[in-house]
Amino acid sequence: MMKLNLDYTVYKGHPSGRIVKSTGRRDVLASDEVLLKITHAGLCGTDEHYKSADMVLGHEGVGIVEKVGAEVNTFKVGDRAGWGYLHNCCMHCDQCLSGNEILCPQRAMYGEADLDQGAFASHAVWKADFLFHIPESIPSAAAAPLMCAGSTVFNPLHTYVRSADRVGVVGVGGLGHLAIQFASKMGCEVVVFSGSEGKKEEAMKLGATEFYATRGASKLHIGRHVNHLLITTSSLPDWNLLLPVLEPGGVIYPITVSEKDLDFPAMPILGGSLRIQGNLPCSRGLHVKMLRFAALHGIQPVIEEFPMSVEGIEEALARLEQGKIRYRAVMVT
């Protein structure tokens, strides 16, 4: 153990929904831990779900290494590092041994563990094994949203999609605009569905090959159907409108975090032999590949920056709730 005697600033949720500035305390640094001075933190829709909880918010963190534990040899002082949703796992169950730590029955994740720490803070202490080096070509502000949003859309694309597949992306927002970029650079045809024509030009620049406005439509005529359909909107879509665009055997990925039940019409699922595939952010090995892929292909989120303060976080949350962020908010210390 290394003595720290560190007081640090944190920004927490509150039952009132307001953001509270508070102080955290760490007295020691374990041998396998790293102390980070946080420089940037992305705002995710999940943070909105937890803003009424008594916990430090934020899980898309990027910072500079200030101290390393005695056994840490993967990071040194001055390195840039980031972290996402997963903080720890057991390392020995079947899921962990097969590289699926995100599915570990004893996983420690944002909102469930380490509630005294988060990305909305001046400092954080994490296990070195759950930190990621940031490629030189990715600025820290751009790296922050990749820690969760990028990881979340990359996981199904890398795991289930093949080059030349037709990939449907529903929504051009915080998740969708990254999904378009990743799928395009993977060699896929990217078919985008959005409420109106307002984001068509930007979607095409990001890599979409086709764009369809859905508001008011009773049927979508898209020509060849899609093999995969990623749902990235903040609310669940009209399944009766979208299921007919899927090829038989197609897969639906409801990436949207919603407290509502997934309520599908039965016959299109049965008759088309469609599959509904759950999804979480990447496990560690795939997270590293995501960052390398983003660096290689110049994939970066479109961001708006806000100060790391009570006022800055509350403004960003308000704009997120109003659907006005294009497309990810990043807190800057």
Protein backbone atom coordinates (compact mmCIF):
# COMPACT_ATOMS: atom_id res chain seq x y z
CA MET A 1 0.00 0.00 0.00
CA MET A 2 1.14 3.52 -0.84
CA LYS A 3 -0.03 6.43 1.31
CA LEU A 4 -2.13 8.98 -0.61
CA ASN A 5 -3.97 11.11 1.96
CA LEU A 6 -5.87 12.59 -0.98
CA ASP A 7 -9.01 14.72 -0.82
CA TYR A 8 -10.62 15.14 -4.24
CA THR A 9 -13.67 16.82 -5.74
CA VAL A 10 -16.64 14.73 -6.90
CA TYR A 11 -20.02 15.54 -8.43
CA LYS A 12 -22.85 13.35 -7.20
CA GLY A 13 -26.49 12.71 -7.95
CA HIS A 14 -29.20 13.57 -5.43
CA PRO A 15 -32.81 12.45 -4.84
CA SER A 16 -33.90 15.92 -5.97
CA GLY A 17 -32.23 15.36 -9.35
CA ARG A 18 -29.77 18.18 -8.70
CA ILE A 19 -26.01 17.79 -8.98
CA VAL A 20 -24.12 18.06 -5.68
CA LYS A 21 -20.44 18.98 -5.37
CA SER A 22 -18.75 16.99 -2.62
CA THR A 23 -15.37 15.71 -1.46
CA GLY A 24 -13.99 12.21 -1.74
CA ARG A 25 -11.13 10.75 0.24
CA ARG A 26 -8.52 8.07 -0.49
CA ASP A 27 -5.86 7.35 2.13
CA VAL A 28 -3.94 4.59 0.33
CA LEU A 29 -3.19 3.33 -3.17
CA ALA A 30 -3.21 -0.47 -3.48
CA SER A 31 -0.38 -2.20 -5.31
CA ASP A 32 -2.55 -2.90 -8.37
CA GLU A 33 -4.17 0.55 -8.56
CA VAL A 34 -3.57 3.77 -10.48
CA LEU A 35 -4.34 7.35 -9.45
CA LEU A 36 -5.65 9.49 -12.30
CA LYS A 37 -6.12 13.23 -12.51
CA ILE A 38 -9.29 13.47 -14.63
CA THR A 39 -9.18 15.84 -17.59
CA HIS A 40 -12.31 14.86 -19.55
CA ALA A 41 -15.51 12.92 -18.89
CA GLY A 42 -18.27 12.04 -21.30
CA LEU A 43 -21.94 12.36 -20.42
CA CYS A 44 -23.94 9.21 -21.17
CA GLY A 45 -27.66 8.56 -21.11
CA THR A 46 -27.03 6.16 -18.24
CA ASP A 47 -25.86 9.09 -16.12
CA GLU A 48 -29.32 10.56 -16.56
CA HIS A 49 -30.81 7.38 -15.08
CA TYR A 50 -28.60 7.72 -11.98
CA LYS A 51 -28.80 11.47 -11.37
CA SER A 52 -31.22 10.89 -8.48
CA ALA A 53 -28.90 8.37 -6.77
CA ASP A 54 -26.45 9.24 -3.99
CA MET A 55 -23.37 8.32 -6.03
CA VAL A 56 -20.60 9.94 -8.03
CA LEU A 57 -21.69 10.24 -11.65
CA GLY A 58 -19.81 9.58 -14.87
CA HIS A 59 -18.23 6.50 -16.41
CA GLU A 60 -16.57 7.81 -19.58
CA GLY A 61 -13.39 9.05 -17.93
CA VAL A 62 -10.04 10.11 -19.36
CA GLY A 63 -7.13 11.50 -17.40
CA ILE A 64 -3.40 11.61 -16.69
CA VAL A 65 -1.68 9.03 -14.50
CA GLU A 66 -0.30 10.68 -11.35
CA LYS A 67 0.71 7.64 -9.27
CA VAL A 68 0.94 3.89 -9.83
CA GLY A 69 0.86 1.03 -7.32
CA ALA A 70 3.96 -1.01 -6.61
CA GLU A 71 2.93 -3.92 -8.87
CA VAL A 72 1.67 -1.85 -11.82
CA ASN A 73 3.88 -2.14 -14.89
CA THR A 74 1.35 -1.32 -17.62
CA PHE A 75 1.14 2.41 -16.87
CA LYS A 76 3.61 5.07 -15.84
CA VAL A 77 3.25 8.59 -14.50
CA GLY A 78 2.22 10.96 -17.30
CA ASP A 79 0.38 8.37 -19.43
CA ARG A 80 -3.11 9.11 -20.67
CA ALA A 81 -5.65 6.51 -19.62
CA GLY A 82 -9.39 6.01 -19.77
CA TRP A 83 -12.04 3.71 -18.32
CA GLY A 84 -15.63 2.76 -18.98
CA TYR A 85 -18.49 0.79 -17.50
CA LEU A 86 -16.60 -2.18 -16.05
CA HIS A 87 -14.42 -1.69 -12.95
CA ASN A 88 -13.54 -5.22 -11.87
CA CYS A 89 -14.34 -8.93 -12.26
CA CYS A 90 -13.43 -12.21 -10.60
CA MET A 91 -10.84 -13.17 -13.28
CA HIS A 92 -11.45 -16.93 -12.88
CA CYS A 93 -15.03 -17.81 -13.93
CA ASP A 94 -15.85 -19.24 -17.36
CA GLN A 95 -16.84 -15.80 -18.68
CA CYS A 96 -13.64 -14.13 -17.51
CA LEU A 97 -11.41 -16.93 -18.78
CA SER A 98 -13.04 -16.69 -22.22
CA GLY A 99 -12.52 -12.93 -22.43
CA ASN A 100 -16.12 -11.98 -21.57
CA GLU A 101 -15.45 -10.15 -18.30
CA ILE A 102 -18.41 -7.86 -18.87
CA LEU A 103 -20.62 -10.94 -18.25
CA CYS A 104 -18.83 -12.06 -15.07
CA PRO A 105 -21.38 -12.92 -12.34
CA GLN A 106 -19.21 -10.99 -9.86
CA ARG A 107 -18.55 -8.00 -12.15
CA ALA A 108 -18.28 -4.53 -10.65
CA MET A 109 -19.94 -1.97 -12.90
CA TYR A 110 -21.01 1.65 -12.87
CA GLY A 111 -24.12 2.22 -10.80
CA GLU A 112 -23.60 -0.98 -8.83
CA ALA A 113 -20.12 -0.70 -7.30
CA ASP A 114 -17.54 1.95 -6.38
CA LEU A 115 -20.28 4.53 -5.89
CA ASP A 116 -17.80 6.90 -4.22
CA GLN A 117 -15.92 7.35 -7.51
CA GLY A 118 -16.76 8.39 -11.03
CA ALA A 119 -15.67 10.38 -14.03
CA PHE A 120 -17.32 13.60 -12.82
CA ALA A 121 -14.51 14.34 -10.41
CA SER A 122 -11.03 15.79 -10.11
CA HIS A 123 -9.37 12.40 -9.46
CA ALA A 124 -10.14 8.69 -9.47
CA VAL A 125 -8.40 5.49 -8.39
CA TRP A 126 -8.94 2.36 -10.49
CA LYS A 127 -7.36 -1.04 -10.91
CA ALA A 128 -4.74 -0.87 -13.64
CA ASP A 129 -6.19 -3.93 -15.39
CA PHE A 130 -9.39 -2.01 -16.12
CA LEU A 131 -7.75 1.10 -17.55
CA PHE A 132 -6.98 1.64 -21.24
CA HIS A 133 -4.18 3.49 -22.98
CA ILE A 134 -5.47 6.25 -25.27
CA PRO A 135 -3.94 6.12 -28.80
CA GLU A 136 -1.87 9.21 -29.60
CA SER A 137 -4.06 10.20 -32.56
CA ILE A 138 -7.22 10.45 -30.43
CA PRO A 139 -7.58 13.68 -28.41
CA SER A 140 -8.67 13.20 -24.81
CA ALA A 141 -11.97 15.03 -25.36
CA ALA A 142 -12.82 12.66 -28.22
CA ALA A 143 -11.61 9.60 -26.31
CA ALA A 144 -14.03 10.09 -23.42
CA PRO A 145 -17.26 9.14 -25.29
CA LEU A 146 -15.50 6.15 -26.83
CA MET A 147 -15.13 4.67 -23.33
CA CYS A 148 -18.83 3.75 -23.25
CA ALA A 149 -20.73 4.94 -26.35
CA GLY A 150 -18.01 3.76 -28.72
CA SER A 151 -17.58 0.52 -26.83
CA THR A 152 -21.32 -0.15 -26.77
CA VAL A 153 -21.85 0.11 -30.53
CA PHE A 154 -18.54 -1.53 -31.47
CA ASN A 155 -19.36 -4.69 -29.49
CA PRO A 156 -22.26 -5.98 -31.65
CA LEU A 157 -20.70 -4.72 -34.88
CA HIS A 158 -17.41 -6.54 -34.28
CA THR A 159 -19.04 -9.66 -32.81
CA TYR A 160 -21.91 -10.32 -35.22
CA VAL A 161 -21.53 -8.20 -38.36
CA ARG A 162 -19.45 -9.02 -41.44
CA SER A 163 -18.06 -6.82 -44.16
CA ALA A 164 -20.62 -6.12 -46.93
CA ASP A 165 -23.58 -6.74 -44.59
CA ARG A 166 -26.35 -4.17 -44.72
CA VAL A 167 -26.53 -2.55 -41.28
CA GLY A 168 -29.53 -0.46 -40.26
CA VAL A 169 -28.96 2.26 -37.65
CA VAL A 170 -32.07 3.75 -36.06
CA GLY A 171 -31.28 7.23 -34.76
CA VAL A 172 -28.48 9.71 -35.43
CA GLY A 173 -27.51 10.66 -31.90
CA GLY A 174 -24.86 9.92 -29.31
CA LEU A 175 -24.73 6.20 -30.11
CA GLY A 176 -26.01 6.26 -33.68
CA HIS A 177 -23.47 8.71 -35.10
CA LEU A 178 -20.66 6.47 -33.83
CA ALA A 179 -22.36 3.29 -35.07
CA ILE A 180 -22.55 4.81 -38.57
CA GLN A 181 -18.82 5.52 -38.56
CA PHE A 182 -17.76 2.12 -37.23
CA ALA A 183 -20.05 0.14 -39.56
CA SER A 184 -18.98 2.18 -42.56
CA LYS A 185 -15.27 1.66 -41.87
CA MET A 186 -15.95 -2.08 -41.41
CA GLY A 187 -17.03 -2.19 -45.05
CA CYS A 188 -20.78 -2.35 -44.49
CA GLU A 189 -23.62 -0.65 -46.26
CA VAL A 190 -25.09 1.63 -43.61
CA VAL A 191 -28.83 2.33 -43.85
CA VAL A 192 -29.89 5.10 -41.48
CA PHE A 193 -33.41 5.66 -40.15
CA SER A 194 -34.20 8.98 -38.49
CA GLY A 195 -37.37 10.84 -37.62
CA SER A 196 -36.87 13.62 -40.15
CA GLU A 197 -34.57 14.69 -42.98
CA GLY A 198 -32.77 17.13 -40.65
CA LYS A 199 -29.71 14.95 -40.06
CA LYS A 200 -29.46 13.40 -43.54
CA GLU A 201 -26.51 15.44 -44.77
CA GLU A 202 -24.50 14.82 -41.60
CA ALA A 203 -25.34 11.09 -41.60
CA MET A 204 -24.11 10.76 -45.18
CA LYS A 205 -20.87 12.56 -44.28
CA LEU A 206 -20.37 10.16 -41.37
CA GLY A 207 -20.57 7.18 -43.73
CA ALA A 208 -24.24 6.34 -44.33
CA THR A 209 -25.03 4.95 -47.77
CA GLU A 210 -28.81 5.43 -47.48
CA PHE A 211 -31.09 7.57 -45.32
CA TYR A 212 -34.82 7.26 -44.63
CA ALA A 213 -37.09 9.59 -42.64
CA THR A 214 -39.61 7.64 -40.56
CA ARG A 215 -41.93 10.25 -39.01
CA GLY A 216 -45.42 9.86 -40.41
CA ALA A 217 -44.49 6.88 -42.57
CA SER A 218 -46.75 3.82 -42.64
CA LYS A 219 -44.29 1.74 -44.68
CA LEU A 220 -40.61 2.03 -45.54
CA HIS A 221 -39.44 1.29 -49.08
CA ILE A 222 -35.70 0.70 -48.87
CA GLY A 223 -34.99 -1.80 -51.63
CA ARG A 224 -32.74 -4.57 -50.35
CA HIS A 225 -33.44 -5.30 -46.70
CA VAL A 226 -30.94 -5.02 -43.84
CA ASN A 227 -29.22 -7.91 -42.06
CA HIS A 228 -28.76 -6.08 -38.76
CA LEU A 229 -30.76 -3.33 -37.07
CA LEU A 230 -29.18 -1.27 -34.26
CA ILE A 231 -31.69 0.67 -32.15
CA THR A 232 -29.83 3.70 -30.78
CA THR A 233 -32.68 6.13 -30.14
CA SER A 234 -33.56 7.38 -26.64
CA SER A 235 -36.99 5.72 -26.90
CA LEU A 236 -38.11 2.47 -28.48
CA PRO A 237 -39.29 2.68 -32.10
CA ASP A 238 -42.42 1.55 -33.95
CA TRP A 239 -41.62 -2.12 -34.48
CA ASN A 240 -44.43 -2.56 -37.01
CA LEU A 241 -42.68 0.01 -39.20
CA LEU A 242 -39.15 -1.30 -38.81
CA LEU A 243 -39.39 -5.09 -38.64
CA PRO A 244 -40.40 -5.37 -42.33
CA VAL A 245 -37.05 -3.87 -43.40
CA LEU A 246 -35.15 -6.87 -41.97
CA GLU A 247 -33.97 -9.79 -44.05
CA PRO A 248 -35.20 -13.23 -42.90
CA GLY A 249 -32.86 -14.31 -40.13
CA GLY A 250 -31.99 -10.69 -39.38
CA VAL A 251 -30.88 -9.51 -35.97
CA ILE A 252 -32.23 -6.64 -33.83
CA TYR A 253 -29.91 -5.00 -31.29
CA PRO A 254 -31.92 -2.89 -28.78
CA ILE A 255 -28.97 -0.83 -27.55
CA THR A 256 -31.26 1.83 -26.10
CA VAL A 257 -31.45 1.79 -22.29
CA SER A 258 -35.15 1.81 -21.50
CA GLU A 259 -37.14 0.82 -18.44
CA LYS A 260 -40.02 -0.23 -20.68
CA ASP A 261 -40.58 -3.81 -21.76
CA LEU A 262 -39.54 -4.85 -25.26
CA ASP A 263 -42.96 -5.43 -26.79
CA PHE A 264 -42.69 -6.98 -30.27
CA PRO A 265 -45.44 -8.14 -32.64
CA ALA A 266 -45.10 -11.92 -32.68
CA MET A 267 -45.71 -12.88 -36.30
CA PRO A 268 -42.90 -10.85 -37.94
CA ILE A 269 -40.44 -12.33 -35.42
CA LEU A 270 -41.66 -15.88 -35.98
CA GLY A 271 -42.27 -15.64 -39.71
CA GLY A 272 -38.96 -13.94 -40.44
CA SER A 273 -36.97 -16.07 -37.98
CA LEU A 274 -35.66 -12.81 -36.54
CA ARG A 275 -33.36 -12.68 -33.51
CA ILE A 276 -33.18 -10.14 -30.69
CA GLN A 277 -29.65 -9.80 -29.37
CA GLY A 278 -28.80 -8.22 -26.01
CA ASN A 279 -25.72 -6.06 -25.79
CA LEU A 280 -23.35 -4.46 -23.27
CA PRO A 281 -20.13 -2.45 -23.67
CA CYS A 282 -17.01 -4.36 -24.69
CA SER A 283 -14.98 -6.58 -22.45
CA ARG A 284 -11.36 -5.50 -22.06
CA GLY A 285 -9.75 -7.16 -25.08
CA LEU A 286 -12.41 -5.92 -27.47
CA HIS A 287 -12.31 -2.46 -25.90
CA VAL A 288 -8.62 -2.23 -26.83
CA LYS A 289 -9.46 -3.27 -30.40
CA MET A 290 -12.16 -0.61 -30.52
CA LEU A 291 -9.69 2.12 -29.60
CA ARG A 292 -7.14 0.85 -32.14
CA PHE A 293 -9.81 0.66 -34.85
CA ALA A 294 -11.00 4.19 -34.08
CA ALA A 295 -7.43 5.49 -34.19
CA LEU A 296 -6.65 3.70 -37.47
CA HIS A 297 -9.76 4.97 -39.25
CA GLY A 298 -10.01 8.42 -37.70
CA ILE A 299 -13.32 7.70 -35.98
CA GLN A 300 -14.18 10.39 -33.44
CA PRO A 301 -17.40 11.51 -31.79
CA VAL A 302 -18.99 14.86 -32.54
CA ILE A 303 -18.86 16.60 -29.18
CA GLU A 304 -19.97 19.66 -27.23
CA GLU A 305 -17.76 20.68 -24.31
CA PHE A 306 -18.96 21.86 -20.89
CA PRO A 307 -17.01 22.82 -17.75
CA MET A 308 -16.62 20.20 -15.03
CA SER A 309 -18.76 22.04 -12.50
CA VAL A 310 -22.24 21.81 -11.01
CA GLU A 311 -23.47 24.36 -13.53
CA GLY A 312 -21.73 22.69 -16.47
CA ILE A 313 -23.02 19.20 -15.64
CA GLU A 314 -26.57 20.42 -15.06
CA GLU A 315 -26.55 22.36 -18.33
CA ALA A 316 -25.30 19.30 -20.21
CA LEU A 317 -27.92 17.07 -18.57
CA ALA A 318 -30.68 19.54 -19.42
CA ARG A 319 -29.59 19.67 -23.06
CA LEU A 320 -29.39 15.86 -23.13
CA GLU A 321 -32.94 15.54 -21.77
CA GLN A 322 -34.15 18.00 -24.39
CA GLY A 323 -32.42 16.09 -27.20
CA LYS A 324 -30.26 19.10 -28.07
CA ILE A 325 -26.77 17.59 -27.71
CA ARG A 326 -24.97 16.97 -31.02
CA TYR A 327 -23.92 14.36 -30.30
CA ARG A 328 -22.00 13.72 -27.07
CA ALA A 329 -21.40 16.10 -24.16
CA VAL A 330 -17.92 16.11 -22.64
CA MET A 331 -17.06 17.68 -19.29
CA VAL A 332 -13.67 19.40 -19.26
CA THR A 333 -11.74 20.14 -16.08
